[in-house]
Structure formats: C-alpha cells, structure tokens
N, C-alpha and C. Protein backbone atom coordinates (compact mmCIF):
# COMPACT_ATOMS: atom_id res chain seq x y z
N MET A 1 -6.35 -10.08 -15.32
CA MET A 1 -6.93 -10.86 -14.22
C MET A 1 -6.44 -10.34 -12.88
N GLU A 2 -5.18 -9.90 -12.82
CA GLU A 2 -4.62 -9.41 -11.58
C GLU A 2 -5.35 -8.16 -11.09
N SER A 3 -5.76 -7.28 -12.01
CA SER A 3 -6.46 -6.06 -11.61
C SER A 3 -7.83 -6.38 -11.02
N ILE A 4 -8.48 -7.42 -11.51
CA ILE A 4 -9.77 -7.81 -10.95
C ILE A 4 -9.58 -8.29 -9.52
N THR A 5 -8.54 -9.07 -9.29
CA THR A 5 -8.25 -9.55 -7.94
C THR A 5 -7.96 -8.38 -7.01
N LEU A 6 -7.18 -7.43 -7.48
CA LEU A 6 -6.87 -6.25 -6.69
C LEU A 6 -8.15 -5.46 -6.41
N GLU A 7 -8.98 -5.31 -7.43
CA GLU A 7 -10.24 -4.60 -7.24
C GLU A 7 -11.11 -5.29 -6.19
N LYS A 8 -11.19 -6.60 -6.25
CA LYS A 8 -11.96 -7.36 -5.26
C LYS A 8 -11.41 -7.13 -3.86
N ARG A 9 -10.06 -7.15 -3.75
CA ARG A 9 -9.43 -6.94 -2.43
C ARG A 9 -9.77 -5.56 -1.89
N VAL A 10 -9.67 -4.56 -2.74
CA VAL A 10 -9.94 -3.19 -2.31
C VAL A 10 -11.39 -3.05 -1.86
N MET A 11 -12.30 -3.64 -2.62
CA MET A 11 -13.72 -3.49 -2.30
C MET A 11 -14.15 -4.28 -1.08
N SER A 12 -13.44 -5.33 -0.75
CA SER A 12 -13.92 -6.19 0.32
C SER A 12 -13.15 -6.06 1.63
N THR A 13 -12.16 -5.18 1.69
CA THR A 13 -11.40 -5.03 2.92
C THR A 13 -11.92 -3.83 3.70
N ASN A 14 -11.33 -3.59 4.85
CA ASN A 14 -11.67 -2.43 5.66
C ASN A 14 -10.54 -1.40 5.56
N ASP A 15 -10.65 -0.31 6.31
CA ASP A 15 -9.63 0.75 6.24
C ASP A 15 -8.24 0.25 6.60
N TRP A 16 -8.15 -0.63 7.60
CA TRP A 16 -6.85 -1.17 7.99
C TRP A 16 -6.26 -1.99 6.85
N GLY A 17 -7.10 -2.74 6.18
CA GLY A 17 -6.65 -3.55 5.06
C GLY A 17 -6.14 -2.70 3.91
N LEU A 18 -6.80 -1.56 3.67
CA LEU A 18 -6.33 -0.66 2.62
C LEU A 18 -4.95 -0.11 2.94
N ILE A 19 -4.73 0.23 4.21
CA ILE A 19 -3.41 0.73 4.63
C ILE A 19 -2.37 -0.39 4.50
N ALA A 20 -2.76 -1.61 4.88
CA ALA A 20 -1.84 -2.75 4.73
C ALA A 20 -1.49 -2.96 3.26
N MET A 21 -2.45 -2.78 2.37
CA MET A 21 -2.20 -2.95 0.94
C MET A 21 -1.21 -1.90 0.42
N LEU A 22 -1.29 -0.68 0.95
CA LEU A 22 -0.31 0.34 0.56
C LEU A 22 1.10 -0.08 0.95
N HIS A 23 1.23 -0.63 2.16
CA HIS A 23 2.55 -1.10 2.62
C HIS A 23 3.03 -2.28 1.79
N GLU A 24 2.12 -3.17 1.46
CA GLU A 24 2.46 -4.32 0.64
C GLU A 24 2.97 -3.86 -0.74
N GLY A 25 2.27 -2.91 -1.34
CA GLY A 25 2.68 -2.37 -2.63
C GLY A 25 4.03 -1.68 -2.54
N LEU A 26 4.25 -0.99 -1.44
CA LEU A 26 5.52 -0.30 -1.22
C LEU A 26 6.68 -1.29 -1.18
N MET A 27 6.51 -2.37 -0.43
CA MET A 27 7.57 -3.38 -0.35
C MET A 27 7.82 -4.04 -1.70
N GLU A 28 6.75 -4.26 -2.46
CA GLU A 28 6.90 -4.84 -3.79
C GLU A 28 7.72 -3.90 -4.68
N LYS A 29 7.45 -2.60 -4.59
CA LYS A 29 8.21 -1.61 -5.38
C LYS A 29 9.68 -1.58 -4.95
N PHE A 30 9.95 -1.76 -3.66
CA PHE A 30 11.34 -1.81 -3.19
C PHE A 30 12.07 -2.99 -3.82
N GLU A 31 11.40 -4.15 -3.85
CA GLU A 31 12.00 -5.35 -4.46
C GLU A 31 12.26 -5.12 -5.94
N ARG A 32 11.30 -4.53 -6.62
CA ARG A 32 11.46 -4.26 -8.05
C ARG A 32 12.55 -3.22 -8.29
N SER A 33 12.73 -2.30 -7.37
CA SER A 33 13.81 -1.30 -7.48
C SER A 33 15.17 -1.98 -7.39
N SER A 34 15.30 -2.93 -6.47
CA SER A 34 16.55 -3.70 -6.36
C SER A 34 16.83 -4.44 -7.66
N GLU A 35 15.79 -5.04 -8.23
CA GLU A 35 15.95 -5.75 -9.50
C GLU A 35 16.38 -4.80 -10.60
N ALA A 36 15.80 -3.60 -10.63
CA ALA A 36 16.17 -2.61 -11.65
C ALA A 36 17.63 -2.21 -11.52
N ILE A 37 18.12 -2.10 -10.29
CA ILE A 37 19.54 -1.78 -10.09
C ILE A 37 20.42 -2.92 -10.62
N LYS A 38 20.04 -4.15 -10.30
CA LYS A 38 20.81 -5.30 -10.77
C LYS A 38 20.82 -5.38 -12.30
N GLU A 39 19.71 -4.96 -12.92
CA GLU A 39 19.60 -4.97 -14.38
C GLU A 39 20.22 -3.72 -15.01
N LYS A 40 20.64 -2.78 -14.15
CA LYS A 40 21.16 -1.48 -14.61
C LYS A 40 20.14 -0.73 -15.46
N ASN A 41 18.87 -0.90 -15.10
CA ASN A 41 17.77 -0.21 -15.78
C ASN A 41 17.37 0.98 -14.92
N TYR A 42 18.08 2.08 -15.10
CA TYR A 42 17.92 3.23 -14.22
C TYR A 42 16.68 4.07 -14.55
N ASP A 43 16.18 3.96 -15.77
CA ASP A 43 14.92 4.63 -16.09
C ASP A 43 13.77 3.96 -15.31
N LYS A 44 13.78 2.63 -15.31
CA LYS A 44 12.78 1.88 -14.55
C LYS A 44 12.91 2.19 -13.06
N LEU A 45 14.14 2.27 -12.59
CA LEU A 45 14.39 2.58 -11.18
C LEU A 45 13.79 3.94 -10.82
N ASN A 46 13.99 4.92 -11.68
CA ASN A 46 13.46 6.26 -11.43
C ASN A 46 11.94 6.25 -11.34
N ILE A 47 11.30 5.52 -12.22
CA ILE A 47 9.83 5.42 -12.20
C ILE A 47 9.37 4.75 -10.91
N LEU A 48 10.04 3.66 -10.53
CA LEU A 48 9.68 2.94 -9.30
C LEU A 48 9.86 3.82 -8.06
N ILE A 49 10.97 4.56 -8.00
CA ILE A 49 11.24 5.42 -6.86
C ILE A 49 10.16 6.50 -6.75
N ASN A 50 9.80 7.08 -7.88
CA ASN A 50 8.75 8.10 -7.86
C ASN A 50 7.43 7.51 -7.38
N ASN A 51 7.13 6.28 -7.80
CA ASN A 51 5.92 5.62 -7.33
C ASN A 51 5.98 5.34 -5.83
N CYS A 52 7.15 4.94 -5.34
CA CYS A 52 7.34 4.72 -3.90
C CYS A 52 7.07 6.02 -3.14
N ARG A 53 7.58 7.11 -3.67
CA ARG A 53 7.38 8.40 -3.00
C ARG A 53 5.91 8.80 -2.98
N GLU A 54 5.19 8.46 -4.04
CA GLU A 54 3.74 8.73 -4.06
C GLU A 54 3.03 7.95 -2.96
N ILE A 55 3.39 6.69 -2.81
CA ILE A 55 2.78 5.86 -1.76
C ILE A 55 3.16 6.40 -0.39
N LEU A 56 4.43 6.74 -0.20
CA LEU A 56 4.86 7.30 1.09
C LEU A 56 4.13 8.61 1.39
N THR A 57 3.93 9.43 0.38
CA THR A 57 3.18 10.68 0.57
C THR A 57 1.75 10.39 1.00
N GLU A 58 1.13 9.42 0.37
CA GLU A 58 -0.24 9.03 0.76
C GLU A 58 -0.28 8.58 2.21
N LEU A 59 0.71 7.80 2.62
CA LEU A 59 0.76 7.34 4.01
C LEU A 59 1.02 8.50 4.97
N LEU A 60 1.89 9.43 4.57
CA LEU A 60 2.15 10.61 5.41
C LEU A 60 0.90 11.45 5.59
N VAL A 61 0.12 11.58 4.53
CA VAL A 61 -1.13 12.34 4.61
C VAL A 61 -2.15 11.60 5.47
N THR A 62 -2.19 10.29 5.33
CA THR A 62 -3.13 9.48 6.11
C THR A 62 -2.86 9.61 7.60
N PHE A 63 -1.59 9.66 7.97
CA PHE A 63 -1.22 9.75 9.38
C PHE A 63 -0.68 11.15 9.69
N ARG A 64 -1.50 12.15 9.45
CA ARG A 64 -1.09 13.54 9.64
C ARG A 64 -1.46 14.10 11.01
N GLU A 65 -2.15 13.31 11.81
CA GLU A 65 -2.57 13.78 13.13
C GLU A 65 -1.36 13.97 14.05
N LYS A 66 -1.59 14.52 15.22
CA LYS A 66 -0.49 14.80 16.15
C LYS A 66 -0.38 13.75 17.26
N ASP A 67 -1.08 12.62 17.10
CA ASP A 67 -1.00 11.58 18.12
C ASP A 67 0.33 10.82 17.99
N GLU A 68 0.64 10.04 19.00
CA GLU A 68 1.93 9.34 19.07
C GLU A 68 2.13 8.36 17.92
N LEU A 69 1.09 7.59 17.59
CA LEU A 69 1.19 6.62 16.51
C LEU A 69 1.52 7.33 15.19
N SER A 70 0.79 8.36 14.86
CA SER A 70 1.01 9.08 13.60
C SER A 70 2.40 9.69 13.55
N THR A 71 2.83 10.27 14.66
CA THR A 71 4.16 10.88 14.71
C THR A 71 5.25 9.83 14.48
N ASN A 72 5.11 8.68 15.12
CA ASN A 72 6.11 7.61 14.96
C ASN A 72 6.10 7.05 13.53
N LEU A 73 4.91 6.85 12.98
CA LEU A 73 4.84 6.34 11.61
C LEU A 73 5.43 7.33 10.62
N ARG A 74 5.14 8.60 10.80
CA ARG A 74 5.71 9.62 9.91
C ARG A 74 7.24 9.58 9.95
N SER A 75 7.79 9.42 11.14
CA SER A 75 9.26 9.33 11.27
C SER A 75 9.80 8.14 10.49
N LEU A 76 9.12 7.02 10.58
CA LEU A 76 9.56 5.82 9.86
C LEU A 76 9.41 5.99 8.34
N TYR A 77 8.34 6.64 7.91
CA TYR A 77 8.15 6.87 6.48
C TYR A 77 9.21 7.83 5.93
N LEU A 78 9.54 8.85 6.69
CA LEU A 78 10.59 9.79 6.26
C LEU A 78 11.95 9.10 6.22
N TYR A 79 12.22 8.24 7.20
CA TYR A 79 13.46 7.48 7.20
C TYR A 79 13.52 6.54 5.99
N THR A 80 12.38 5.92 5.68
CA THR A 80 12.30 5.04 4.52
C THR A 80 12.57 5.82 3.24
N ASN A 81 12.02 7.01 3.14
CA ASN A 81 12.27 7.84 1.97
C ASN A 81 13.76 8.16 1.84
N LYS A 82 14.41 8.41 2.98
CA LYS A 82 15.85 8.67 2.97
C LYS A 82 16.61 7.44 2.46
N LEU A 83 16.21 6.26 2.92
CA LEU A 83 16.87 5.03 2.48
C LEU A 83 16.75 4.83 0.96
N ILE A 84 15.55 5.01 0.45
CA ILE A 84 15.38 4.74 -0.99
C ILE A 84 16.05 5.83 -1.84
N THR A 85 16.12 7.05 -1.32
CA THR A 85 16.82 8.11 -2.04
C THR A 85 18.31 7.79 -2.11
N GLU A 86 18.89 7.37 -0.99
CA GLU A 86 20.30 6.96 -0.98
C GLU A 86 20.52 5.75 -1.87
N GLY A 87 19.55 4.80 -1.83
CA GLY A 87 19.65 3.61 -2.66
C GLY A 87 19.65 3.95 -4.14
N GLU A 88 18.83 4.92 -4.50
CA GLU A 88 18.76 5.35 -5.90
C GLU A 88 20.07 6.03 -6.31
N ILE A 89 20.57 6.91 -5.46
CA ILE A 89 21.80 7.65 -5.78
C ILE A 89 23.01 6.72 -5.83
N LYS A 90 23.14 5.87 -4.82
CA LYS A 90 24.31 4.98 -4.71
C LYS A 90 24.16 3.68 -5.50
N LYS A 91 22.94 3.44 -6.01
CA LYS A 91 22.64 2.19 -6.72
C LYS A 91 22.96 0.99 -5.84
N ASP A 92 22.49 1.07 -4.59
CA ASP A 92 22.79 0.08 -3.56
C ASP A 92 21.51 -0.69 -3.20
N THR A 93 21.47 -1.96 -3.58
CA THR A 93 20.29 -2.79 -3.30
C THR A 93 20.10 -3.03 -1.81
N ASN A 94 21.17 -2.98 -1.03
CA ASN A 94 21.05 -3.20 0.42
C ASN A 94 20.16 -2.16 1.08
N LEU A 95 20.18 -0.96 0.57
CA LEU A 95 19.34 0.09 1.15
C LEU A 95 17.86 -0.18 0.92
N PHE A 96 17.53 -0.80 -0.20
CA PHE A 96 16.14 -1.18 -0.45
C PHE A 96 15.73 -2.34 0.45
N GLU A 97 16.66 -3.24 0.73
CA GLU A 97 16.39 -4.32 1.68
C GLU A 97 16.17 -3.75 3.08
N ASN A 98 16.94 -2.75 3.43
CA ASN A 98 16.74 -2.08 4.73
C ASN A 98 15.37 -1.41 4.78
N ALA A 99 14.95 -0.82 3.67
CA ALA A 99 13.64 -0.18 3.62
C ALA A 99 12.53 -1.21 3.82
N ILE A 100 12.71 -2.38 3.23
CA ILE A 100 11.73 -3.47 3.43
C ILE A 100 11.70 -3.86 4.90
N ASP A 101 12.88 -3.93 5.53
CA ASP A 101 12.96 -4.29 6.95
C ASP A 101 12.22 -3.28 7.84
N VAL A 102 12.18 -2.03 7.41
CA VAL A 102 11.46 -1.00 8.18
C VAL A 102 9.96 -1.14 7.97
N ILE A 103 9.54 -1.36 6.74
CA ILE A 103 8.12 -1.36 6.40
C ILE A 103 7.42 -2.67 6.76
N ALA A 104 8.13 -3.80 6.69
CA ALA A 104 7.50 -5.11 6.91
C ALA A 104 6.78 -5.23 8.25
N PRO A 105 7.36 -4.81 9.38
CA PRO A 105 6.62 -4.93 10.64
C PRO A 105 5.38 -4.03 10.69
N ILE A 106 5.46 -2.88 10.03
CA ILE A 106 4.29 -1.99 9.98
C ILE A 106 3.19 -2.67 9.17
N TYR A 107 3.57 -3.26 8.05
CA TYR A 107 2.62 -4.00 7.22
C TYR A 107 1.94 -5.10 8.04
N MET A 108 2.74 -5.87 8.77
CA MET A 108 2.18 -6.97 9.56
C MET A 108 1.20 -6.46 10.61
N GLY A 109 1.52 -5.32 11.20
CA GLY A 109 0.63 -4.73 12.20
C GLY A 109 -0.72 -4.35 11.61
N PHE A 110 -0.70 -3.70 10.46
CA PHE A 110 -1.97 -3.31 9.82
C PHE A 110 -2.71 -4.52 9.29
N LYS A 111 -1.98 -5.52 8.83
CA LYS A 111 -2.61 -6.75 8.37
C LYS A 111 -3.35 -7.43 9.54
N GLY A 112 -2.73 -7.40 10.72
CA GLY A 112 -3.38 -7.95 11.91
C GLY A 112 -4.62 -7.16 12.29
N LEU A 113 -4.56 -5.85 12.20
CA LEU A 113 -5.73 -5.01 12.49
C LEU A 113 -6.85 -5.27 11.49
N GLU A 114 -6.48 -5.55 10.25
CA GLU A 114 -7.48 -5.82 9.22
C GLU A 114 -8.35 -7.01 9.62
N THR A 115 -7.73 -8.04 10.16
CA THR A 115 -8.49 -9.25 10.51
C THR A 115 -9.39 -9.03 11.73
N LYS A 116 -9.05 -8.04 12.54
CA LYS A 116 -9.87 -7.77 13.73
C LYS A 116 -11.03 -6.84 13.43
N GLY A 117 -10.94 -6.09 12.34
CA GLY A 117 -12.00 -5.15 11.98
C GLY A 117 -13.04 -5.80 11.09
N GLU A 118 -14.16 -5.13 10.98
CA GLU A 118 -15.23 -5.62 10.11
C GLU A 118 -14.90 -5.30 8.66
N PRO A 119 -15.05 -6.27 7.77
CA PRO A 119 -14.82 -5.98 6.35
C PRO A 119 -15.96 -5.16 5.78
N ASN A 120 -15.69 -4.50 4.65
CA ASN A 120 -16.78 -3.83 3.95
C ASN A 120 -17.75 -4.90 3.49
N ILE A 121 -19.02 -4.59 3.52
CA ILE A 121 -20.02 -5.58 3.12
C ILE A 121 -20.26 -5.45 1.64
N VAL A 122 -19.93 -6.50 0.92
CA VAL A 122 -20.18 -6.54 -0.51
C VAL A 122 -20.99 -7.80 -0.77
N SER A 123 -22.20 -7.62 -1.26
CA SER A 123 -23.04 -8.79 -1.45
C SER A 123 -22.88 -9.40 -2.83
N GLY A 124 -22.30 -8.66 -3.73
CA GLY A 124 -22.11 -9.24 -5.05
C GLY A 124 -21.23 -8.36 -5.90
N LEU A 125 -20.63 -8.98 -6.87
CA LEU A 125 -19.81 -8.25 -7.82
C LEU A 125 -20.40 -8.49 -9.20
N THR A 126 -20.53 -7.44 -9.96
CA THR A 126 -21.06 -7.59 -11.30
C THR A 126 -19.97 -7.21 -12.29
N TYR A 127 -19.99 -7.85 -13.42
CA TYR A 127 -18.98 -7.60 -14.43
C TYR A 127 -19.56 -6.74 -15.53
N GLY A 128 -18.95 -5.59 -15.74
CA GLY A 128 -19.31 -4.73 -16.85
C GLY A 128 -18.34 -5.02 -17.98
N LYS A 129 -18.37 -4.20 -18.97
CA LYS A 129 -17.44 -4.38 -20.09
C LYS A 129 -16.03 -4.07 -19.64
N GLY A 130 -15.24 -5.09 -19.40
CA GLY A 130 -13.84 -4.91 -19.07
C GLY A 130 -13.56 -4.40 -17.67
N ASN A 131 -14.57 -4.34 -16.81
CA ASN A 131 -14.29 -3.90 -15.44
C ASN A 131 -15.21 -4.61 -14.46
N LEU A 132 -14.86 -4.48 -13.22
CA LEU A 132 -15.58 -5.12 -12.14
C LEU A 132 -16.34 -4.04 -11.40
N GLU A 133 -17.61 -4.26 -11.14
CA GLU A 133 -18.41 -3.26 -10.45
C GLU A 133 -18.93 -3.83 -9.15
N GLU A 134 -19.17 -2.94 -8.22
CA GLU A 134 -19.58 -3.34 -6.88
C GLU A 134 -21.07 -3.17 -6.69
N HIS A 135 -21.66 -4.13 -6.03
CA HIS A 135 -23.03 -4.02 -5.57
C HIS A 135 -22.97 -4.26 -4.07
N SER A 136 -23.26 -3.23 -3.29
CA SER A 136 -23.11 -3.39 -1.85
C SER A 136 -24.45 -3.28 -1.15
N VAL A 137 -24.49 -3.87 0.02
CA VAL A 137 -25.67 -3.83 0.84
C VAL A 137 -25.46 -2.77 1.90
N LYS A 138 -26.40 -1.87 2.03
CA LYS A 138 -26.34 -0.82 3.04
C LYS A 138 -27.14 -1.29 4.25
N LEU A 139 -26.49 -1.29 5.39
CA LEU A 139 -27.18 -1.72 6.60
C LEU A 139 -28.12 -0.64 7.09
N GLY A 140 -29.18 -1.03 7.75
CA GLY A 140 -30.12 -0.10 8.35
C GLY A 140 -31.13 0.47 7.39
N LYS A 141 -31.18 0.02 6.18
CA LYS A 141 -32.13 0.52 5.19
C LYS A 141 -33.31 -0.42 5.13
N THR A 142 -34.48 0.14 5.00
CA THR A 142 -35.65 -0.68 4.81
C THR A 142 -36.29 -0.28 3.49
N PHE A 143 -36.83 -1.24 2.82
CA PHE A 143 -37.46 -0.98 1.54
C PHE A 143 -38.93 -1.35 1.66
N GLN A 144 -39.76 -0.42 1.32
CA GLN A 144 -41.19 -0.68 1.37
C GLN A 144 -41.78 -0.50 0.00
N GLY A 145 -42.76 -1.36 -0.34
CA GLY A 145 -43.37 -1.29 -1.66
C GLY A 145 -44.59 -0.43 -1.67
C-alpha cells in the first residue's frame, strides 16, 4: 500500500516536489542509519549509507549548473556526505543528526516551492495487475471525430 501512495505522490507533484521527496527520503535514511548503529547492525548501516550516497549523487547531478544556488547546494551535499561517512566510520549517531540538520531546511525550501508551482495534471489513476498506472490529460490538444 505504501508504494501506491508513493507512486501517487510522484505522479501528482511537480519538479520541486520531486526534489523535496528526495530530501525527505534522505532524512529518513539518516534516521534509519542511526537506528542501525544503535542496533549494531552494520550490514544494514552499509546498505543505508550506500543508498544515501545514491540520493546525494542524484541531487549533485540535478544541481550541476554553475549558478549560485547549485554551487551552494553542492557544497551542502558534499558536506552531508562527509558527515555520514564519518558517522559510518565512527558509528556516531550524532553525525547523522547533524546531517538531518543540514538537509531539513533545504527540504522545507523545496517543499515550499512545490506548493507555489503547478502540479502535474493527472485526471485519473487506473489499477493494473499489482501496479498503479497513470492516465494524464495533455493540455492544448484537441480531438476531432
């Protein structure tokens, strides 16, 4: 059920919302990494850290331009990567909390932009066998019989 909700969110948001969702997922992984350290489950921690790095890489690629915003965000993402790497090595949950403190304001900013932008237009969702499919309305199209 959770994947259907996520699918609906992805299909019905705008570009800003998708970026906010990446940040949201990143913070969730940081929390789960702290839990893995407390549980001394270092295999799980390694998987989570690698997933965090994949998300950070996606964000770095997304903001690859040379404008001021992209440059500043890249610096914060690289700093966050440093925090989680140290957290993994030192098994220090505080470093993951610090990483959340860095990412949370960025998340809030993109979440705010999401509400100001136009959402993707989805007029209906259809259910296939075990998955959710999109039916969207394309603006500016005319249909003649």
